[in-house]
Amino acid sequence: MINIFREIFLRAKSICLNRLNKRLRSEFAKIRQEFEEHLQAINENTNEIASNYEYICELESRLDKLSERLDYVHMTLESSGNFTGKRSNFEAKKLNRVEQRVFLAIYTLEEKGYVTYADIAKELNISEQLAGSYVTSLIGKGIPIMKRYINSKPYLKLEPEFKTLQIKENILQLGLEEFGF
């Protein structure tokens, strides 16, 4: 009799284990299916991101080429005397001391040609990013700085008419004594 109960108990235990095993397999199959769906969605998003990145790079390249062409047209018109976009009435806001130093760096360095952020950074012993921020600040305060992009790298130059007026009238009211001149 004990053997019969033991056999019934073992069969019942085996049936329960089989049911549990089937349920576990079913749940794991569902989890695997969800993971595969998530993986597929991630792959689709990755492809879309890569495609958008390529498109943005292409647009950036086209914008650089357009900027170069506009700079060329601007310089050609300016050198031929046909450019009517010149301003003889410059209104610049007062510059702080560091902005004055950046302006003077551009002013003096451009004698060699166009000036880069690296040139300004080296001259003033600051980072290129900081030099770029100060140039943006100068432009925002009305300093007419021309930017020319070559291979996505900006080259700077002061508008010639402004430079001439700065020499004659000291529009920015820079005291050269402050800078050791």
C-alpha atoms as a PDB file:
ATOM      1  CA  MET A   1       0.000   0.000   0.000  1.00  0.00           C
ATOM      2  CA  ILE A   2       2.807   2.377   0.769  1.00  0.00           C
ATOM      3  CA  ASN A   3       4.294   1.547  -2.599  1.00  0.00           C
ATOM      4  CA  ILE A   4       1.021   2.382  -4.310  1.00  0.00           C
ATOM      5  CA  PHE A   5       0.836   5.778  -2.549  1.00  0.00           C
ATOM      6  CA  ARG A   6       4.477   6.418  -3.379  1.00  0.00           C
ATOM      7  CA  GLU A   7       3.828   5.616  -7.044  1.00  0.00           C
ATOM      8  CA  ILE A   8       0.732   7.862  -7.139  1.00  0.00           C
ATOM      9  CA  PHE A   9       2.699  10.636  -5.429  1.00  0.00           C
ATOM     10  CA  LEU A  10       5.590  10.313  -7.883  1.00  0.00           C
ATOM     11  CA  ARG A  11       3.230  10.346 -10.875  1.00  0.00           C
ATOM     12  CA  ALA A  12       1.429  13.421  -9.532  1.00  0.00           C
ATOM     13  CA  LYS A  13       4.773  15.089  -8.912  1.00  0.00           C
ATOM     14  CA  SER A  14       5.908  14.199 -12.432  1.00  0.00           C
ATOM     15  CA  ILE A  15       2.680  15.590 -13.947  1.00  0.00           C
ATOM     16  CA  CYS A  16       3.081  18.855 -11.944  1.00  0.00           C
ATOM     17  CA  LEU A  17       6.686  19.163 -13.045  1.00  0.00           C
ATOM     18  CA  ASN A  18       5.691  18.587 -16.668  1.00  0.00           C
ATOM     19  CA  ARG A  19       2.996  21.268 -16.431  1.00  0.00           C
ATOM     20  CA  LEU A  20       5.433  23.668 -14.739  1.00  0.00           C
ATOM     21  CA  ASN A  21       8.051  22.915 -17.379  1.00  0.00           C
ATOM     22  CA  LYS A  22       5.542  23.606 -20.194  1.00  0.00           C
ATOM     23  CA  ARG A  23       4.472  26.891 -18.559  1.00  0.00           C
ATOM     24  CA  LEU A  24       8.075  27.998 -18.114  1.00  0.00           C
ATOM     25  CA  ARG A  25       8.880  27.172 -21.726  1.00  0.00           C
ATOM     26  CA  SER A  26       5.811  29.080 -22.863  1.00  0.00           C
ATOM     27  CA  GLU A  27       6.741  32.151 -20.778  1.00  0.00           C
ATOM     28  CA  PHE A  28      10.354  32.057 -21.962  1.00  0.00           C
ATOM     29  CA  ALA A  29       9.154  31.804 -25.566  1.00  0.00           C
ATOM     30  CA  LYS A  30       7.018  34.925 -25.032  1.00  0.00           C
ATOM     31  CA  ILE A  31       9.985  36.773 -23.510  1.00  0.00           C
ATOM     32  CA  ARG A  32      12.219  35.700 -26.399  1.00  0.00           C
ATOM     33  CA  GLN A  33       9.592  36.958 -28.886  1.00  0.00           C
ATOM     34  CA  GLU A  34       9.425  40.346 -27.097  1.00  0.00           C
ATOM     35  CA  PHE A  35      13.232  40.637 -27.132  1.00  0.00           C
ATOM     36  CA  GLU A  36      13.307  39.880 -30.849  1.00  0.00           C
ATOM     37  CA  GLU A  37      10.663  42.551 -31.498  1.00  0.00           C
ATOM     38  CA  HIS A  38      12.665  45.099 -29.463  1.00  0.00           C
ATOM     39  CA  LEU A  39      15.854  44.162 -31.295  1.00  0.00           C
ATOM     40  CA  GLN A  40      14.132  44.618 -34.634  1.00  0.00           C
ATOM     41  CA  ALA A  41      12.816  48.049 -33.557  1.00  0.00           C
ATOM     42  CA  ILE A  42      16.306  49.074 -32.386  1.00  0.00           C
ATOM     43  CA  ASN A  43      17.825  47.988 -35.703  1.00  0.00           C
ATOM     44  CA  GLU A  44      15.212  49.950 -37.644  1.00  0.00           C
ATOM     45  CA  ASN A  45      15.866  53.064 -35.517  1.00  0.00           C
ATOM     46  CA  THR A  46      19.621  52.665 -35.946  1.00  0.00           C
ATOM     47  CA  ASN A  47      19.232  52.520 -39.718  1.00  0.00           C
ATOM     48  CA  GLU A  48      17.005  55.600 -39.667  1.00  0.00           C
ATOM     49  CA  ILE A  49      19.494  57.511 -37.496  1.00  0.00           C
ATOM     50  CA  ALA A  50      22.372  56.570 -39.803  1.00  0.00           C
ATOM     51  CA  SER A  51      20.368  57.656 -42.826  1.00  0.00           C
ATOM     52  CA  ASN A  52      19.478  60.993 -41.206  1.00  0.00           C
ATOM     53  CA  TYR A  53      23.121  61.554 -40.216  1.00  0.00           C
ATOM     54  CA  GLU A  54      24.269  60.993 -43.798  1.00  0.00           C
ATOM     55  CA  TYR A  55      21.611  63.427 -45.039  1.00  0.00           C
ATOM     56  CA  ILE A  56      22.672  66.072 -42.498  1.00  0.00           C
ATOM     57  CA  CYS A  57      26.338  65.666 -43.505  1.00  0.00           C
ATOM     58  CA  GLU A  58      25.366  66.128 -47.144  1.00  0.00           C
ATOM     59  CA  LEU A  59      23.360  69.261 -46.300  1.00  0.00           C
ATOM     60  CA  GLU A  60      26.244  70.645 -44.256  1.00  0.00           C
ATOM     61  CA  SER A  61      28.614  70.076 -47.154  1.00  0.00           C
ATOM     62  CA  ARG A  62      26.254  71.860 -49.533  1.00  0.00           C
ATOM     63  CA  LEU A  63      25.893  74.777 -47.099  1.00  0.00           C
ATOM     64  CA  ASP A  64      29.686  75.068 -46.860  1.00  0.00           C
ATOM     65  CA  LYS A  65      29.957  75.170 -50.657  1.00  0.00           C
ATOM     66  CA  LEU A  66      27.199  77.778 -50.844  1.00  0.00           C
ATOM     67  CA  SER A  67      28.911  79.870 -48.179  1.00  0.00           C
ATOM     68  CA  GLU A  68      32.197  79.686 -50.076  1.00  0.00           C
ATOM     69  CA  ARG A  69      30.452  80.777 -53.279  1.00  0.00           C
ATOM     70  CA  LEU A  70      28.727  83.679 -51.523  1.00  0.00           C
ATOM     71  CA  ASP A  71      32.020  84.786 -50.002  1.00  0.00           C
ATOM     72  CA  TYR A  72      33.637  84.630 -53.432  1.00  0.00           C
ATOM     73  CA  VAL A  73      30.828  86.679 -54.990  1.00  0.00           C
ATOM     74  CA  HIS A  74      30.995  89.173 -52.120  1.00  0.00           C
ATOM     75  CA  MET A  75      34.757  89.586 -52.474  1.00  0.00           C
ATOM     76  CA  THR A  76      34.546  89.815 -56.258  1.00  0.00           C
ATOM     77  CA  LEU A  77      31.898  92.526 -56.065  1.00  0.00           C
ATOM     78  CA  GLU A  78      33.807  94.310 -53.348  1.00  0.00           C
ATOM     79  CA  SER A  79      37.078  94.308 -55.298  1.00  0.00           C
ATOM     80  CA  SER A  80      35.371  95.508 -58.490  1.00  0.00           C
ATOM     81  CA  GLY A  81      33.722  98.421 -56.689  1.00  0.00           C
ATOM     82  CA  ASN A  82      30.233  97.286 -57.674  1.00  0.00           C
ATOM     83  CA  PHE A  83      29.243  96.220 -54.198  1.00  0.00           C
ATOM     84  CA  THR A  84      26.491  98.447 -52.822  1.00  0.00           C
ATOM     85  CA  GLY A  85      26.075  96.562 -49.576  1.00  0.00           C
ATOM     86  CA  LYS A  86      28.788  98.525 -47.758  1.00  0.00           C
ATOM     87  CA  ARG A  87      27.830 100.373 -44.645  1.00  0.00           C
ATOM     88  CA  SER A  88      29.457 103.669 -43.863  1.00  0.00           C
ATOM     89  CA  ASN A  89      27.375 104.127 -40.730  1.00  0.00           C
ATOM     90  CA  PHE A  90      28.685 101.636 -38.187  1.00  0.00           C
ATOM     91  CA  GLU A  91      27.109 101.399 -34.779  1.00  0.00           C
ATOM     92  CA  ALA A  92      28.951  99.145 -32.389  1.00  0.00           C
ATOM     93  CA  LYS A  93      28.171  98.602 -28.737  1.00  0.00           C
ATOM     94  CA  LYS A  94      30.843  99.114 -26.102  1.00  0.00           C
ATOM     95  CA  LEU A  95      33.215  96.156 -25.799  1.00  0.00           C
ATOM     96  CA  ASN A  96      34.469  94.681 -22.545  1.00  0.00           C
ATOM     97  CA  ARG A  97      38.211  94.314 -21.990  1.00  0.00           C
ATOM     98  CA  VAL A  98      38.508  90.745 -23.328  1.00  0.00           C
ATOM     99  CA  GLU A  99      36.399  91.576 -26.392  1.00  0.00           C
ATOM    100  CA  GLN A 100      38.711  94.539 -27.027  1.00  0.00           C
ATOM    101  CA  ARG A 101      41.719  92.194 -26.887  1.00  0.00           C
ATOM    102  CA  VAL A 102      40.027  89.776 -29.322  1.00  0.00           C
ATOM    103  CA  PHE A 103      39.194  92.676 -31.655  1.00  0.00           C
ATOM    104  CA  LEU A 104      42.786  93.919 -31.548  1.00  0.00           C
ATOM    105  CA  ALA A 105      44.058  90.382 -32.199  1.00  0.00           C
ATOM    106  CA  ILE A 106      41.894  90.115 -35.325  1.00  0.00           C
ATOM    107  CA  TYR A 107      42.843  93.658 -36.316  1.00  0.00           C
ATOM    108  CA  THR A 108      46.584  93.006 -36.086  1.00  0.00           C
ATOM    109  CA  LEU A 109      46.664  89.372 -37.256  1.00  0.00           C
ATOM    110  CA  GLU A 110      44.682  89.982 -40.422  1.00  0.00           C
ATOM    111  CA  GLU A 111      47.638  91.853 -41.908  1.00  0.00           C
ATOM    112  CA  LYS A 112      48.910  88.366 -42.805  1.00  0.00           C
ATOM    113  CA  GLY A 113      45.552  87.427 -44.378  1.00  0.00           C
ATOM    114  CA  TYR A 114      42.515  85.758 -42.918  1.00  0.00           C
ATOM    115  CA  VAL A 115      42.488  84.958 -39.203  1.00  0.00           C
ATOM    116  CA  THR A 116      41.334  81.672 -37.662  1.00  0.00           C
ATOM    117  CA  TYR A 117      40.060  80.933 -34.179  1.00  0.00           C
ATOM    118  CA  ALA A 118      43.338  79.078 -33.617  1.00  0.00           C
ATOM    119  CA  ASP A 119      45.299  82.252 -34.464  1.00  0.00           C
ATOM    120  CA  ILE A 120      43.272  84.270 -31.961  1.00  0.00           C
ATOM    121  CA  ALA A 121      43.573  81.555 -29.318  1.00  0.00           C
ATOM    122  CA  LYS A 122      47.328  81.388 -29.749  1.00  0.00           C
ATOM    123  CA  GLU A 123      47.707  85.172 -29.659  1.00  0.00           C
ATOM    124  CA  LEU A 124      45.630  85.560 -26.482  1.00  0.00           C
ATOM    125  CA  ASN A 125      46.509  82.246 -24.839  1.00  0.00           C
ATOM    126  CA  ILE A 126      42.883  81.053 -24.681  1.00  0.00           C
ATOM    127  CA  SER A 127      41.046  78.051 -26.143  1.00  0.00           C
ATOM    128  CA  GLU A 128      39.711  78.036 -29.704  1.00  0.00           C
ATOM    129  CA  GLN A 129      36.159  77.549 -28.403  1.00  0.00           C
ATOM    130  CA  LEU A 130      36.500  80.621 -26.203  1.00  0.00           C
ATOM    131  CA  ALA A 131      37.937  82.602 -29.120  1.00  0.00           C
ATOM    132  CA  GLY A 132      34.917  81.570 -31.221  1.00  0.00           C
ATOM    133  CA  SER A 133      32.544  82.654 -28.459  1.00  0.00           C
ATOM    134  CA  TYR A 134      34.181  86.067 -28.248  1.00  0.00           C
ATOM    135  CA  VAL A 135      34.047  86.502 -32.030  1.00  0.00           C
ATOM    136  CA  THR A 136      30.332  85.698 -31.929  1.00  0.00           C
ATOM    137  CA  SER A 137      29.958  88.266 -29.144  1.00  0.00           C
ATOM    138  CA  LEU A 138      31.786  90.876 -31.247  1.00  0.00           C
ATOM    139  CA  ILE A 139      29.496  90.218 -34.202  1.00  0.00           C
ATOM    140  CA  GLY A 140      26.487  90.490 -31.880  1.00  0.00           C
ATOM    141  CA  LYS A 141      27.736  93.903 -30.732  1.00  0.00           C
ATOM    142  CA  GLY A 142      27.870  95.197 -34.286  1.00  0.00           C
ATOM    143  CA  ILE A 143      31.496  94.596 -35.252  1.00  0.00           C
ATOM    144  CA  PRO A 144      31.412  93.751 -38.986  1.00  0.00           C
ATOM    145  CA  ILE A 145      33.513  90.602 -39.143  1.00  0.00           C
ATOM    146  CA  MET A 146      33.395  88.710 -42.410  1.00  0.00           C
ATOM    147  CA  LYS A 147      33.558  84.934 -42.156  1.00  0.00           C
ATOM    148  CA  ARG A 148      34.718  82.760 -44.974  1.00  0.00           C
ATOM    149  CA  TYR A 149      34.337  78.988 -44.641  1.00  0.00           C
ATOM    150  CA  ILE A 150      36.834  76.679 -46.257  1.00  0.00           C
ATOM    151  CA  ASN A 151      36.316  72.983 -45.516  1.00  0.00           C
ATOM    152  CA  SER A 152      33.954  73.904 -42.663  1.00  0.00           C
ATOM    153  CA  LYS A 153      36.656  76.014 -41.001  1.00  0.00           C
ATOM    154  CA  PRO A 154      35.891  79.731 -40.512  1.00  0.00           C
ATOM    155  CA  TYR A 155      38.377  82.367 -41.618  1.00  0.00           C
ATOM    156  CA  LEU A 156      37.805  85.882 -40.304  1.00  0.00           C
ATOM    157  CA  LYS A 157      38.490  89.369 -41.555  1.00  0.00           C
ATOM    158  CA  LEU A 158      37.261  92.811 -40.560  1.00  0.00           C
ATOM    159  CA  GLU A 159      35.196  94.660 -43.127  1.00  0.00           C
ATOM    160  CA  PRO A 160      37.748  96.976 -44.812  1.00  0.00           C
ATOM    161  CA  GLU A 161      35.606 100.106 -44.568  1.00  0.00           C
ATOM    162  CA  PHE A 162      35.069  99.545 -40.843  1.00  0.00           C
ATOM    163  CA  LYS A 163      38.790  99.033 -40.342  1.00  0.00           C
ATOM    164  CA  THR A 164      39.511 102.321 -42.115  1.00  0.00           C
ATOM    165  CA  LEU A 165      36.917 104.151 -40.036  1.00  0.00           C
ATOM    166  CA  GLN A 166      38.320 102.590 -36.859  1.00  0.00           C
ATOM    167  CA  ILE A 167      41.728 103.999 -37.753  1.00  0.00           C
ATOM    168  CA  LYS A 168      40.332 107.453 -38.522  1.00  0.00           C
ATOM    169  CA  GLU A 169      37.578 107.853 -35.928  1.00  0.00           C
ATOM    170  CA  ASN A 170      38.262 105.183 -33.285  1.00  0.00           C
ATOM    171  CA  ILE A 171      34.640 104.007 -33.420  1.00  0.00           C
ATOM    172  CA  LEU A 172      35.203 101.513 -30.623  1.00  0.00           C
ATOM    173  CA  GLN A 173      36.957 104.106 -28.443  1.00  0.00           C
ATOM    174  CA  LEU A 174      39.876 101.830 -27.724  1.00  0.00           C
ATOM    175  CA  GLY A 175      42.523 103.315 -25.481  1.00  0.00           C
ATOM    176  CA  LEU A 176      45.749 101.805 -26.756  1.00  0.00           C
ATOM    177  CA  GLU A 177      47.528 102.771 -23.536  1.00  0.00           C
ATOM    178  CA  GLU A 178      45.516 100.075 -21.795  1.00  0.00           C
ATOM    179  CA  PHE A 179      47.126  97.489 -24.052  1.00  0.00           C
ATOM    180  CA  GLY A 180      50.710  98.646 -23.645  1.00  0.00           C
ATOM    181  CA  PHE A 181      50.984 100.803 -26.803  1.00  0.00           C
END
